[in-house]
Amino acid sequence: MSRPLQVYLDDAEFSALDTWANARGWSLSQAVRVALKALIRSGQQEDPLLAASGMIEGLPEDLSQRFDAYLMNTYVAEPPRAYRHAKPKRRAKKTVRR
């Protein structure tokens, strides 16, 4: 069952919340719900790692099984190229026509 809640924010708080929600593609209601869930959960669990679980919405359902694959797709670093001193190329002599 859902119940309505009315909250009054000053202009700065509203603007910050609106900017934060828009950056994630969320509605204001969704942003407030996520923040409230994070506040409520943090007081219920003693383990900080367990307290952090579920705080991020929109993650893939198979994240725990395919964590390494997602991590590799997110952070792909190429090894640095070996530095070689480039030798000047010789120019081919142009044939002079007379």
C-alpha atoms as a PDB file:
ATOM      1  CA  MET A   1       0.000   0.000   0.000  1.00  0.00           C
ATOM      2  CA  SER A   2       1.366   3.407  -0.974  1.00  0.00           C
ATOM      3  CA  ARG A   3       0.823   6.505   1.084  1.00  0.00           C
ATOM      4  CA  PRO A   4       1.423  10.087   0.005  1.00  0.00           C
ATOM      5  CA  LEU A   5       4.028  12.225   1.747  1.00  0.00           C
ATOM      6  CA  GLN A   6       4.418  15.953   1.323  1.00  0.00           C
ATOM      7  CA  VAL A   7       7.826  17.505   1.946  1.00  0.00           C
ATOM      8  CA  TYR A   8       8.789  21.174   1.828  1.00  0.00           C
ATOM      9  CA  LEU A   9      12.271  22.043   0.590  1.00  0.00           C
ATOM     10  CA  ASP A  10      13.940  25.391   0.231  1.00  0.00           C
ATOM     11  CA  ASP A  11      15.013  26.472  -3.250  1.00  0.00           C
ATOM     12  CA  ALA A  12      18.621  25.306  -2.894  1.00  0.00           C
ATOM     13  CA  GLU A  13      17.621  21.849  -1.622  1.00  0.00           C
ATOM     14  CA  PHE A  14      15.017  21.435  -4.347  1.00  0.00           C
ATOM     15  CA  SER A  15      17.467  22.500  -7.053  1.00  0.00           C
ATOM     16  CA  ALA A  16      20.138  20.101  -5.779  1.00  0.00           C
ATOM     17  CA  LEU A  17      17.657  17.215  -5.619  1.00  0.00           C
ATOM     18  CA  ASP A  18      16.310  18.006  -9.080  1.00  0.00           C
ATOM     19  CA  THR A  19      19.821  18.147 -10.569  1.00  0.00           C
ATOM     20  CA  TRP A  20      20.789  14.888  -8.867  1.00  0.00           C
ATOM     21  CA  ALA A  21      17.647  13.089 -10.055  1.00  0.00           C
ATOM     22  CA  ASN A  22      17.920  14.404 -13.629  1.00  0.00           C
ATOM     23  CA  ALA A  23      21.556  13.273 -13.870  1.00  0.00           C
ATOM     24  CA  ARG A  24      20.349   9.715 -13.186  1.00  0.00           C
ATOM     25  CA  GLY A  25      17.206   9.912 -15.305  1.00  0.00           C
ATOM     26  CA  TRP A  26      14.985   9.610 -12.235  1.00  0.00           C
ATOM     27  CA  SER A  27      11.864  11.434 -11.138  1.00  0.00           C
ATOM     28  CA  LEU A  28      11.967  13.466  -7.937  1.00  0.00           C
ATOM     29  CA  SER A  29       9.748  10.879  -6.242  1.00  0.00           C
ATOM     30  CA  GLN A  30      12.078   8.058  -7.186  1.00  0.00           C
ATOM     31  CA  ALA A  31      15.116   9.993  -5.926  1.00  0.00           C
ATOM     32  CA  VAL A  32      13.417  10.662  -2.580  1.00  0.00           C
ATOM     33  CA  ARG A  33      12.415   6.984  -2.242  1.00  0.00           C
ATOM     34  CA  VAL A  34      15.987   5.816  -2.881  1.00  0.00           C
ATOM     35  CA  ALA A  35      17.367   8.293  -0.341  1.00  0.00           C
ATOM     36  CA  LEU A  36      14.833   7.220   2.262  1.00  0.00           C
ATOM     37  CA  LYS A  37      15.610   3.545   1.697  1.00  0.00           C
ATOM     38  CA  ALA A  38      19.315   4.256   2.190  1.00  0.00           C
ATOM     39  CA  LEU A  39      18.629   6.126   5.433  1.00  0.00           C
ATOM     40  CA  ILE A  40      16.348   3.435   6.819  1.00  0.00           C
ATOM     41  CA  ARG A  41      18.666   0.563   5.897  1.00  0.00           C
ATOM     42  CA  SER A  42      21.777   2.166   7.361  1.00  0.00           C
ATOM     43  CA  GLY A  43      20.298   2.120  10.876  1.00  0.00           C
ATOM     44  CA  GLN A  44      19.113  -1.491  10.739  1.00  0.00           C
ATOM     45  CA  GLN A  45      22.317  -3.345   9.908  1.00  0.00           C
ATOM     46  CA  GLU A  46      25.581  -3.354  11.794  1.00  0.00           C
ATOM     47  CA  ASP A  47      27.818  -4.627   8.974  1.00  0.00           C
ATOM     48  CA  PRO A  48      28.730  -1.668   6.706  1.00  0.00           C
ATOM     49  CA  LEU A  49      29.156  -3.932   3.681  1.00  0.00           C
ATOM     50  CA  LEU A  50      25.700  -5.410   4.109  1.00  0.00           C
ATOM     51  CA  ALA A  51      24.323  -1.933   4.773  1.00  0.00           C
ATOM     52  CA  ALA A  52      25.595  -0.815   1.371  1.00  0.00           C
ATOM     53  CA  SER A  53      23.939  -3.689  -0.490  1.00  0.00           C
ATOM     54  CA  GLY A  54      20.942  -2.630  -2.505  1.00  0.00           C
ATOM     55  CA  MET A  55      21.718   1.088  -2.317  1.00  0.00           C
ATOM     56  CA  ILE A  56      22.439   1.372  -6.034  1.00  0.00           C
ATOM     57  CA  GLU A  57      19.397   0.935  -8.228  1.00  0.00           C
ATOM     58  CA  GLY A  58      19.446  -0.113 -11.872  1.00  0.00           C
ATOM     59  CA  LEU A  59      22.246  -2.688 -11.662  1.00  0.00           C
ATOM     60  CA  PRO A  60      22.013  -5.858 -13.766  1.00  0.00           C
ATOM     61  CA  GLU A  61      20.301  -8.791 -12.082  1.00  0.00           C
ATOM     62  CA  ASP A  62      23.239 -11.116 -12.790  1.00  0.00           C
ATOM     63  CA  LEU A  63      25.879  -8.718 -11.438  1.00  0.00           C
ATOM     64  CA  SER A  64      27.016 -11.018  -8.641  1.00  0.00           C
ATOM     65  CA  GLN A  65      27.508 -13.946 -11.051  1.00  0.00           C
ATOM     66  CA  ARG A  66      29.188 -11.948 -13.841  1.00  0.00           C
ATOM     67  CA  PHE A  67      30.988  -9.314 -11.765  1.00  0.00           C
ATOM     68  CA  ASP A  68      34.392  -9.860 -13.409  1.00  0.00           C
ATOM     69  CA  ALA A  69      32.929  -9.577 -16.911  1.00  0.00           C
ATOM     70  CA  TYR A  70      31.140  -6.323 -16.076  1.00  0.00           C
ATOM     71  CA  LEU A  71      34.276  -4.962 -14.411  1.00  0.00           C
ATOM     72  CA  MET A  72      36.446  -5.776 -17.426  1.00  0.00           C
ATOM     73  CA  ASN A  73      33.932  -4.123 -19.764  1.00  0.00           C
ATOM     74  CA  THR A  74      33.862  -1.022 -17.584  1.00  0.00           C
ATOM     75  CA  TYR A  75      37.568  -0.532 -16.946  1.00  0.00           C
ATOM     76  CA  VAL A  76      39.538  -1.551 -19.997  1.00  0.00           C
ATOM     77  CA  ALA A  77      43.110  -0.380 -19.828  1.00  0.00           C
ATOM     78  CA  GLU A  78      45.572  -1.005 -22.598  1.00  0.00           C
ATOM     79  CA  PRO A  79      49.190  -1.623 -21.660  1.00  0.00           C
ATOM     80  CA  PRO A  80      51.439   1.341 -22.424  1.00  0.00           C
ATOM     81  CA  ARG A  81      53.222   1.182 -25.728  1.00  0.00           C
ATOM     82  CA  ALA A  82      56.965   0.728 -25.697  1.00  0.00           C
ATOM     83  CA  TYR A  83      58.727   3.966 -26.498  1.00  0.00           C
ATOM     84  CA  ARG A  84      60.980   3.750 -29.516  1.00  0.00           C
ATOM     85  CA  HIS A  85      63.054   6.520 -30.911  1.00  0.00           C
ATOM     86  CA  ALA A  86      61.859   7.017 -34.451  1.00  0.00           C
ATOM     87  CA  LYS A  87      64.619   7.123 -37.026  1.00  0.00           C
ATOM     88  CA  PRO A  88      64.194   9.725 -39.730  1.00  0.00           C
ATOM     89  CA  LYS A  89      63.006   8.176 -42.961  1.00  0.00           C
ATOM     90  CA  ARG A  90      65.118   8.660 -46.026  1.00  0.00           C
ATOM     91  CA  ARG A  91      63.411  10.406 -48.818  1.00  0.00           C
ATOM     92  CA  ALA A  92      63.490   8.707 -52.150  1.00  0.00           C
ATOM     93  CA  LYS A  93      65.449  10.751 -54.650  1.00  0.00           C
ATOM     94  CA  LYS A  94      63.221  12.253 -57.231  1.00  0.00           C
ATOM     95  CA  THR A  95      64.182  11.659 -60.775  1.00  0.00           C
ATOM     96  CA  VAL A  96      65.094  14.904 -62.442  1.00  0.00           C
ATOM     97  CA  ARG A  97      63.852  15.162 -65.985  1.00  0.00           C
ATOM     98  CA  ARG A  98      65.681  17.531 -68.258  1.00  0.00           C
END
